[in-house]
């Protein structure tokens, strides 16, 4: 059987914390810092794509990021996220392998979401 080349990426799932902090006046700042932090990782090529989920089967699942780095580095970066440090999220990692063929996720728009403006 011929060998099939595969790529490896790290999937970071953003899960709701088992004991989330109560709502506070800091929440808008934490959200802005979280989005700016992830945007900076996208700009640096460390995250390929990321975004929130609409929960269907698991209400704890809040979002996902696809990292280009190995699981150990992705874990360290995700744990440095302001929202993780604030107690909003727990992270769950998996290494994903898929055939190494040219592909794109596309540029279609399925939904528009109002998000705060952030600088990164």
N, C-alpha and C. Protein backbone atom coordinates (compact mmCIF):
# COMPACT_ATOMS: atom_id res chain seq x y z
N UNK A 1 0.85 -1.17 0.00
CA UNK A 1 0.00 0.00 0.00
C UNK A 1 0.90 1.23 0.00
N UNK A 2 0.62 2.23 -0.86
CA UNK A 2 1.46 3.43 -0.91
C UNK A 2 1.27 4.28 0.35
N UNK A 3 2.33 5.01 0.70
CA UNK A 3 2.25 5.90 1.84
C UNK A 3 1.47 7.15 1.48
N UNK A 4 0.65 7.61 2.39
CA UNK A 4 -0.14 8.83 2.20
C UNK A 4 0.43 9.90 3.12
N UNK A 5 0.85 11.05 2.58
CA UNK A 5 1.34 12.12 3.46
C UNK A 5 0.18 12.78 4.20
N UNK A 6 0.43 13.08 5.47
CA UNK A 6 -0.57 13.74 6.32
C UNK A 6 0.02 15.00 6.93
N UNK A 7 -0.83 15.97 7.20
CA UNK A 7 -0.46 17.14 7.99
C UNK A 7 -0.97 16.91 9.41
N UNK A 8 -0.30 17.55 10.36
CA UNK A 8 -0.76 17.50 11.74
C UNK A 8 -1.02 18.93 12.21
N UNK A 9 -2.13 19.12 12.86
CA UNK A 9 -2.49 20.40 13.46
C UNK A 9 -3.02 20.11 14.86
N UNK A 10 -3.01 21.13 15.69
CA UNK A 10 -3.53 20.99 17.05
C UNK A 10 -4.88 21.68 17.14
N UNK A 11 -5.87 20.94 17.57
CA UNK A 11 -7.21 21.48 17.77
C UNK A 11 -7.34 21.85 19.26
N UNK A 12 -7.68 23.10 19.51
CA UNK A 12 -7.94 23.55 20.88
C UNK A 12 -9.43 23.82 20.97
N UNK A 13 -10.10 23.09 21.85
CA UNK A 13 -11.52 23.32 22.09
C UNK A 13 -11.65 24.15 23.36
N UNK A 14 -12.42 25.22 23.25
CA UNK A 14 -12.65 26.15 24.36
C UNK A 14 -13.93 25.72 25.06
N UNK A 15 -13.78 25.12 26.24
CA UNK A 15 -14.91 24.59 27.00
C UNK A 15 -15.26 25.56 28.14
N UNK A 16 -16.56 25.69 28.42
CA UNK A 16 -16.98 26.52 29.55
C UNK A 16 -16.36 25.95 30.81
N UNK A 17 -15.88 26.81 31.66
CA UNK A 17 -15.27 26.39 32.91
C UNK A 17 -16.31 25.68 33.78
N UNK A 18 -15.87 24.66 34.50
CA UNK A 18 -16.76 23.94 35.40
C UNK A 18 -17.27 24.86 36.51
N UNK A 19 -16.46 25.83 36.89
CA UNK A 19 -16.85 26.80 37.91
C UNK A 19 -16.56 28.20 37.38
N UNK A 20 -17.42 28.70 36.50
CA UNK A 20 -17.15 30.01 35.90
C UNK A 20 -17.23 31.13 36.94
N UNK A 21 -16.45 32.18 36.73
CA UNK A 21 -16.54 33.31 37.66
C UNK A 21 -17.87 34.03 37.46
N UNK A 22 -18.34 34.70 38.50
CA UNK A 22 -19.58 35.46 38.33
C UNK A 22 -19.37 36.63 37.37
N UNK A 23 -20.46 37.09 36.77
CA UNK A 23 -20.38 38.25 35.89
C UNK A 23 -19.81 39.43 36.66
N UNK A 24 -19.00 40.24 35.96
CA UNK A 24 -18.37 41.37 36.63
C UNK A 24 -18.19 42.52 35.64
N UNK A 25 -17.90 43.71 36.15
CA UNK A 25 -17.63 44.83 35.25
C UNK A 25 -16.40 44.62 34.37
N UNK A 26 -15.55 43.66 34.72
CA UNK A 26 -14.34 43.37 33.94
C UNK A 26 -14.63 42.57 32.66
N UNK A 27 -15.85 42.04 32.53
CA UNK A 27 -16.14 41.10 31.45
C UNK A 27 -15.88 41.66 30.05
N UNK A 28 -16.27 42.91 29.80
CA UNK A 28 -16.03 43.49 28.47
C UNK A 28 -14.53 43.56 28.17
N UNK A 29 -13.74 43.90 29.17
CA UNK A 29 -12.30 43.97 28.99
C UNK A 29 -11.68 42.60 28.77
N UNK A 30 -12.19 41.60 29.47
CA UNK A 30 -11.69 40.23 29.29
C UNK A 30 -12.01 39.75 27.88
N UNK A 31 -13.24 40.01 27.42
CA UNK A 31 -13.60 39.60 26.07
C UNK A 31 -12.72 40.29 25.03
N UNK A 32 -12.52 41.59 25.18
CA UNK A 32 -11.67 42.33 24.23
C UNK A 32 -10.24 41.79 24.26
N UNK A 33 -9.72 41.50 25.43
CA UNK A 33 -8.35 40.97 25.55
C UNK A 33 -8.26 39.58 24.93
N UNK A 34 -9.27 38.75 25.13
CA UNK A 34 -9.33 37.40 24.55
C UNK A 34 -9.30 37.48 23.03
N UNK A 35 -10.17 38.33 22.46
CA UNK A 35 -10.23 38.46 21.00
C UNK A 35 -8.94 39.03 20.43
N UNK A 36 -8.35 39.99 21.12
CA UNK A 36 -7.09 40.58 20.66
C UNK A 36 -5.96 39.55 20.72
N UNK A 37 -5.94 38.76 21.78
CA UNK A 37 -4.91 37.74 21.94
C UNK A 37 -5.00 36.72 20.80
N UNK A 38 -6.21 36.20 20.56
CA UNK A 38 -6.38 35.23 19.47
C UNK A 38 -6.05 35.87 18.12
N UNK A 39 -6.48 37.12 17.92
CA UNK A 39 -6.17 37.81 16.67
C UNK A 39 -4.68 37.95 16.46
N UNK A 40 -3.94 38.20 17.52
CA UNK A 40 -2.48 38.28 17.42
C UNK A 40 -1.87 36.95 17.00
N UNK A 41 -2.43 35.84 17.52
CA UNK A 41 -1.92 34.52 17.14
C UNK A 41 -2.26 34.21 15.68
N UNK A 42 -3.41 34.68 15.21
CA UNK A 42 -3.75 34.53 13.79
C UNK A 42 -2.77 35.32 12.94
N UNK A 43 -2.51 36.57 13.33
CA UNK A 43 -1.58 37.42 12.58
C UNK A 43 -0.19 36.81 12.49
N UNK A 44 0.22 36.10 13.53
CA UNK A 44 1.54 35.47 13.57
C UNK A 44 1.57 34.11 12.87
N UNK A 45 0.41 33.64 12.37
CA UNK A 45 0.35 32.35 11.68
C UNK A 45 0.30 31.16 12.62
N UNK A 46 0.07 31.38 13.90
CA UNK A 46 0.02 30.29 14.87
C UNK A 46 -1.36 29.65 14.89
N UNK A 47 -2.39 30.45 14.66
CA UNK A 47 -3.75 29.93 14.53
C UNK A 47 -4.19 30.12 13.08
N UNK A 48 -4.71 29.05 12.48
CA UNK A 48 -5.23 29.14 11.11
C UNK A 48 -6.64 29.70 11.10
N UNK A 49 -7.51 29.15 11.92
CA UNK A 49 -8.90 29.60 12.03
C UNK A 49 -9.35 29.38 13.47
N UNK A 50 -10.31 30.19 13.89
CA UNK A 50 -10.93 29.95 15.19
C UNK A 50 -12.24 30.70 15.26
N UNK A 51 -13.08 30.29 16.17
CA UNK A 51 -14.36 30.96 16.33
C UNK A 51 -15.25 30.24 17.30
N UNK A 52 -16.38 30.88 17.62
CA UNK A 52 -17.32 30.31 18.58
C UNK A 52 -18.19 29.23 17.96
N UNK A 53 -18.82 28.46 18.84
CA UNK A 53 -19.79 27.45 18.43
C UNK A 53 -21.18 27.84 18.89
N UNK A 54 -22.16 27.43 18.14
CA UNK A 54 -23.54 27.41 18.63
C UNK A 54 -23.74 26.00 19.18
N UNK A 55 -23.94 25.93 20.47
CA UNK A 55 -24.01 24.62 21.10
C UNK A 55 -25.24 23.86 20.62
N UNK A 56 -25.00 22.60 20.21
CA UNK A 56 -26.09 21.72 19.81
C UNK A 56 -26.11 20.51 20.73
N UNK A 57 -25.01 19.77 20.80
CA UNK A 57 -24.97 18.57 21.62
C UNK A 57 -24.25 18.76 22.96
N UNK A 58 -23.31 19.68 23.03
CA UNK A 58 -22.53 19.86 24.25
C UNK A 58 -22.55 21.33 24.66
N UNK A 59 -23.34 21.69 25.66
CA UNK A 59 -23.45 23.09 26.05
C UNK A 59 -22.16 23.68 26.63
N UNK A 60 -21.20 22.82 26.96
CA UNK A 60 -19.93 23.32 27.49
C UNK A 60 -19.01 23.85 26.40
N UNK A 61 -19.19 23.37 25.17
CA UNK A 61 -18.31 23.73 24.06
C UNK A 61 -18.60 25.15 23.60
N UNK A 62 -17.63 26.04 23.72
CA UNK A 62 -17.82 27.45 23.39
C UNK A 62 -17.16 27.84 22.07
N UNK A 63 -16.05 27.19 21.71
CA UNK A 63 -15.37 27.55 20.49
C UNK A 63 -14.23 26.60 20.19
N UNK A 64 -13.53 26.87 19.09
CA UNK A 64 -12.42 26.02 18.67
C UNK A 64 -11.40 26.86 17.93
N UNK A 65 -10.14 26.49 18.08
CA UNK A 65 -9.04 27.11 17.34
C UNK A 65 -8.20 26.00 16.73
N UNK A 66 -7.73 26.23 15.52
CA UNK A 66 -6.85 25.29 14.84
C UNK A 66 -5.46 25.89 14.81
N UNK A 67 -4.56 25.33 15.62
CA UNK A 67 -3.20 25.84 15.79
C UNK A 67 -2.25 25.13 14.83
N UNK A 68 -1.22 25.84 14.39
CA UNK A 68 -0.21 25.28 13.49
C UNK A 68 0.97 24.70 14.26
N UNK A 69 0.98 24.86 15.57
CA UNK A 69 2.10 24.40 16.39
C UNK A 69 1.76 23.09 17.09
N UNK A 70 2.77 22.44 17.68
CA UNK A 70 2.55 21.16 18.34
C UNK A 70 1.68 21.34 19.59
N UNK A 71 1.12 20.24 20.10
CA UNK A 71 0.20 20.34 21.23
C UNK A 71 0.79 21.01 22.48
N UNK A 72 2.05 20.77 22.79
CA UNK A 72 2.64 21.38 23.98
C UNK A 72 2.69 22.90 23.85
N UNK A 73 3.13 23.40 22.68
CA UNK A 73 3.18 24.84 22.49
C UNK A 73 1.76 25.43 22.44
N UNK A 74 0.83 24.74 21.78
CA UNK A 74 -0.55 25.22 21.72
C UNK A 74 -1.16 25.30 23.12
N UNK A 75 -0.88 24.32 23.95
CA UNK A 75 -1.41 24.33 25.33
C UNK A 75 -0.88 25.54 26.09
N UNK A 76 0.41 25.80 25.97
CA UNK A 76 0.99 26.95 26.66
C UNK A 76 0.38 28.26 26.18
N UNK A 77 0.21 28.40 24.86
CA UNK A 77 -0.37 29.61 24.31
C UNK A 77 -1.83 29.76 24.73
N UNK A 78 -2.60 28.68 24.68
CA UNK A 78 -4.01 28.75 25.07
C UNK A 78 -4.15 29.08 26.55
N UNK A 79 -3.29 28.52 27.37
CA UNK A 79 -3.35 28.81 28.81
C UNK A 79 -2.96 30.25 29.12
N UNK A 80 -2.25 30.91 28.22
CA UNK A 80 -1.90 32.33 28.40
C UNK A 80 -3.03 33.27 27.96
N UNK A 81 -4.08 32.73 27.37
CA UNK A 81 -5.21 33.55 26.92
C UNK A 81 -5.87 34.23 28.13
N UNK A 82 -6.17 35.52 28.04
CA UNK A 82 -6.78 36.23 29.17
C UNK A 82 -8.09 35.60 29.66
N UNK A 83 -8.88 35.04 28.77
CA UNK A 83 -10.16 34.44 29.19
C UNK A 83 -9.93 33.13 29.95
N UNK A 84 -8.88 32.40 29.61
CA UNK A 84 -8.54 31.19 30.37
C UNK A 84 -8.04 31.61 31.75
N UNK A 85 -7.17 32.60 31.78
CA UNK A 85 -6.64 33.08 33.06
C UNK A 85 -7.75 33.63 33.96
N UNK A 86 -8.78 34.22 33.35
CA UNK A 86 -9.91 34.78 34.10
C UNK A 86 -10.88 33.70 34.58
N UNK A 87 -10.73 32.48 34.08
CA UNK A 87 -11.58 31.38 34.51
C UNK A 87 -12.78 31.10 33.64
N UNK A 88 -12.88 31.76 32.48
CA UNK A 88 -14.01 31.53 31.59
C UNK A 88 -13.95 30.17 30.91
N UNK A 89 -12.74 29.76 30.52
CA UNK A 89 -12.60 28.55 29.71
C UNK A 89 -11.61 27.58 30.32
N UNK A 90 -11.88 26.31 30.03
CA UNK A 90 -10.91 25.25 30.18
C UNK A 90 -10.62 24.78 28.76
N UNK A 91 -9.40 24.41 28.51
CA UNK A 91 -9.05 23.99 27.15
C UNK A 91 -8.90 22.48 27.07
N UNK A 92 -9.26 21.94 25.92
CA UNK A 92 -9.10 20.52 25.62
C UNK A 92 -8.39 20.45 24.27
N UNK A 93 -7.31 19.71 24.21
CA UNK A 93 -6.51 19.62 22.99
C UNK A 93 -6.54 18.23 22.38
N UNK A 94 -6.45 18.23 21.07
CA UNK A 94 -6.28 17.00 20.31
C UNK A 94 -5.36 17.30 19.14
N UNK A 95 -4.60 16.31 18.71
CA UNK A 95 -3.81 16.46 17.50
C UNK A 95 -4.61 15.85 16.35
N UNK A 96 -4.82 16.65 15.31
CA UNK A 96 -5.64 16.24 14.17
C UNK A 96 -4.72 15.98 12.99
N UNK A 97 -4.91 14.84 12.35
CA UNK A 97 -4.14 14.48 11.16
C UNK A 97 -5.10 14.35 9.99
N UNK A 98 -4.70 14.94 8.85
CA UNK A 98 -5.55 14.87 7.67
C UNK A 98 -4.64 14.83 6.44
N UNK A 99 -5.13 14.27 5.33
CA UNK A 99 -4.29 14.14 4.14
C UNK A 99 -3.72 15.49 3.70
N UNK A 100 -2.45 15.48 3.33
CA UNK A 100 -1.74 16.69 2.92
C UNK A 100 -2.02 16.97 1.45
N UNK A 101 -3.19 17.56 1.19
CA UNK A 101 -3.55 17.96 -0.16
C UNK A 101 -3.96 19.43 -0.13
N UNK A 102 -3.80 20.11 -1.24
CA UNK A 102 -4.17 21.52 -1.30
C UNK A 102 -5.66 21.68 -1.04
N UNK A 103 -6.00 22.65 -0.17
CA UNK A 103 -7.40 22.89 0.16
C UNK A 103 -7.55 24.29 0.72
N UNK A 104 -8.77 24.75 0.76
CA UNK A 104 -9.06 26.02 1.39
C UNK A 104 -10.37 25.88 2.13
N UNK A 105 -10.55 26.68 3.16
CA UNK A 105 -11.81 26.67 3.88
C UNK A 105 -12.83 27.56 3.19
N UNK A 106 -12.38 28.35 2.25
CA UNK A 106 -13.29 29.17 1.48
C UNK A 106 -13.49 30.55 2.08
N UNK A 107 -14.25 31.34 1.35
CA UNK A 107 -14.48 32.71 1.80
C UNK A 107 -15.96 33.06 1.80
N UNK A 108 -16.81 32.06 1.91
CA UNK A 108 -18.25 32.34 1.91
C UNK A 108 -18.68 32.88 3.27
N UNK A 109 -19.79 33.57 3.30
CA UNK A 109 -20.36 34.08 4.53
C UNK A 109 -21.64 33.31 4.82
N UNK A 110 -21.69 32.66 5.99
CA UNK A 110 -22.88 31.91 6.39
C UNK A 110 -23.72 32.66 7.41
N UNK A 111 -23.07 33.52 8.21
CA UNK A 111 -23.78 34.26 9.24
C UNK A 111 -22.95 35.49 9.56
N UNK A 112 -23.59 36.56 9.98
CA UNK A 112 -22.87 37.75 10.42
C UNK A 112 -23.13 37.91 11.92
N UNK A 113 -22.06 38.17 12.67
CA UNK A 113 -22.13 38.28 14.12
C UNK A 113 -21.57 39.61 14.54
N UNK A 114 -22.27 40.29 15.43
CA UNK A 114 -21.79 41.57 15.97
C UNK A 114 -20.75 41.27 17.04
N UNK A 115 -19.50 41.67 16.79
CA UNK A 115 -18.42 41.45 17.76
C UNK A 115 -17.77 42.77 18.09
N UNK A 116 -17.21 42.89 19.29
CA UNK A 116 -16.55 44.14 19.64
C UNK A 116 -15.30 44.35 18.79
N UNK A 117 -14.99 45.62 18.52
CA UNK A 117 -13.77 45.93 17.79
C UNK A 117 -12.59 45.79 18.72
N UNK A 118 -11.53 45.15 18.23
CA UNK A 118 -10.31 44.99 19.02
C UNK A 118 -9.12 45.35 18.16
N UNK A 119 -8.06 45.74 18.80
CA UNK A 119 -6.82 45.99 18.08
C UNK A 119 -5.82 44.93 18.53
N UNK A 120 -5.03 44.46 17.59
CA UNK A 120 -3.99 43.45 17.92
C UNK A 120 -2.75 43.68 17.11
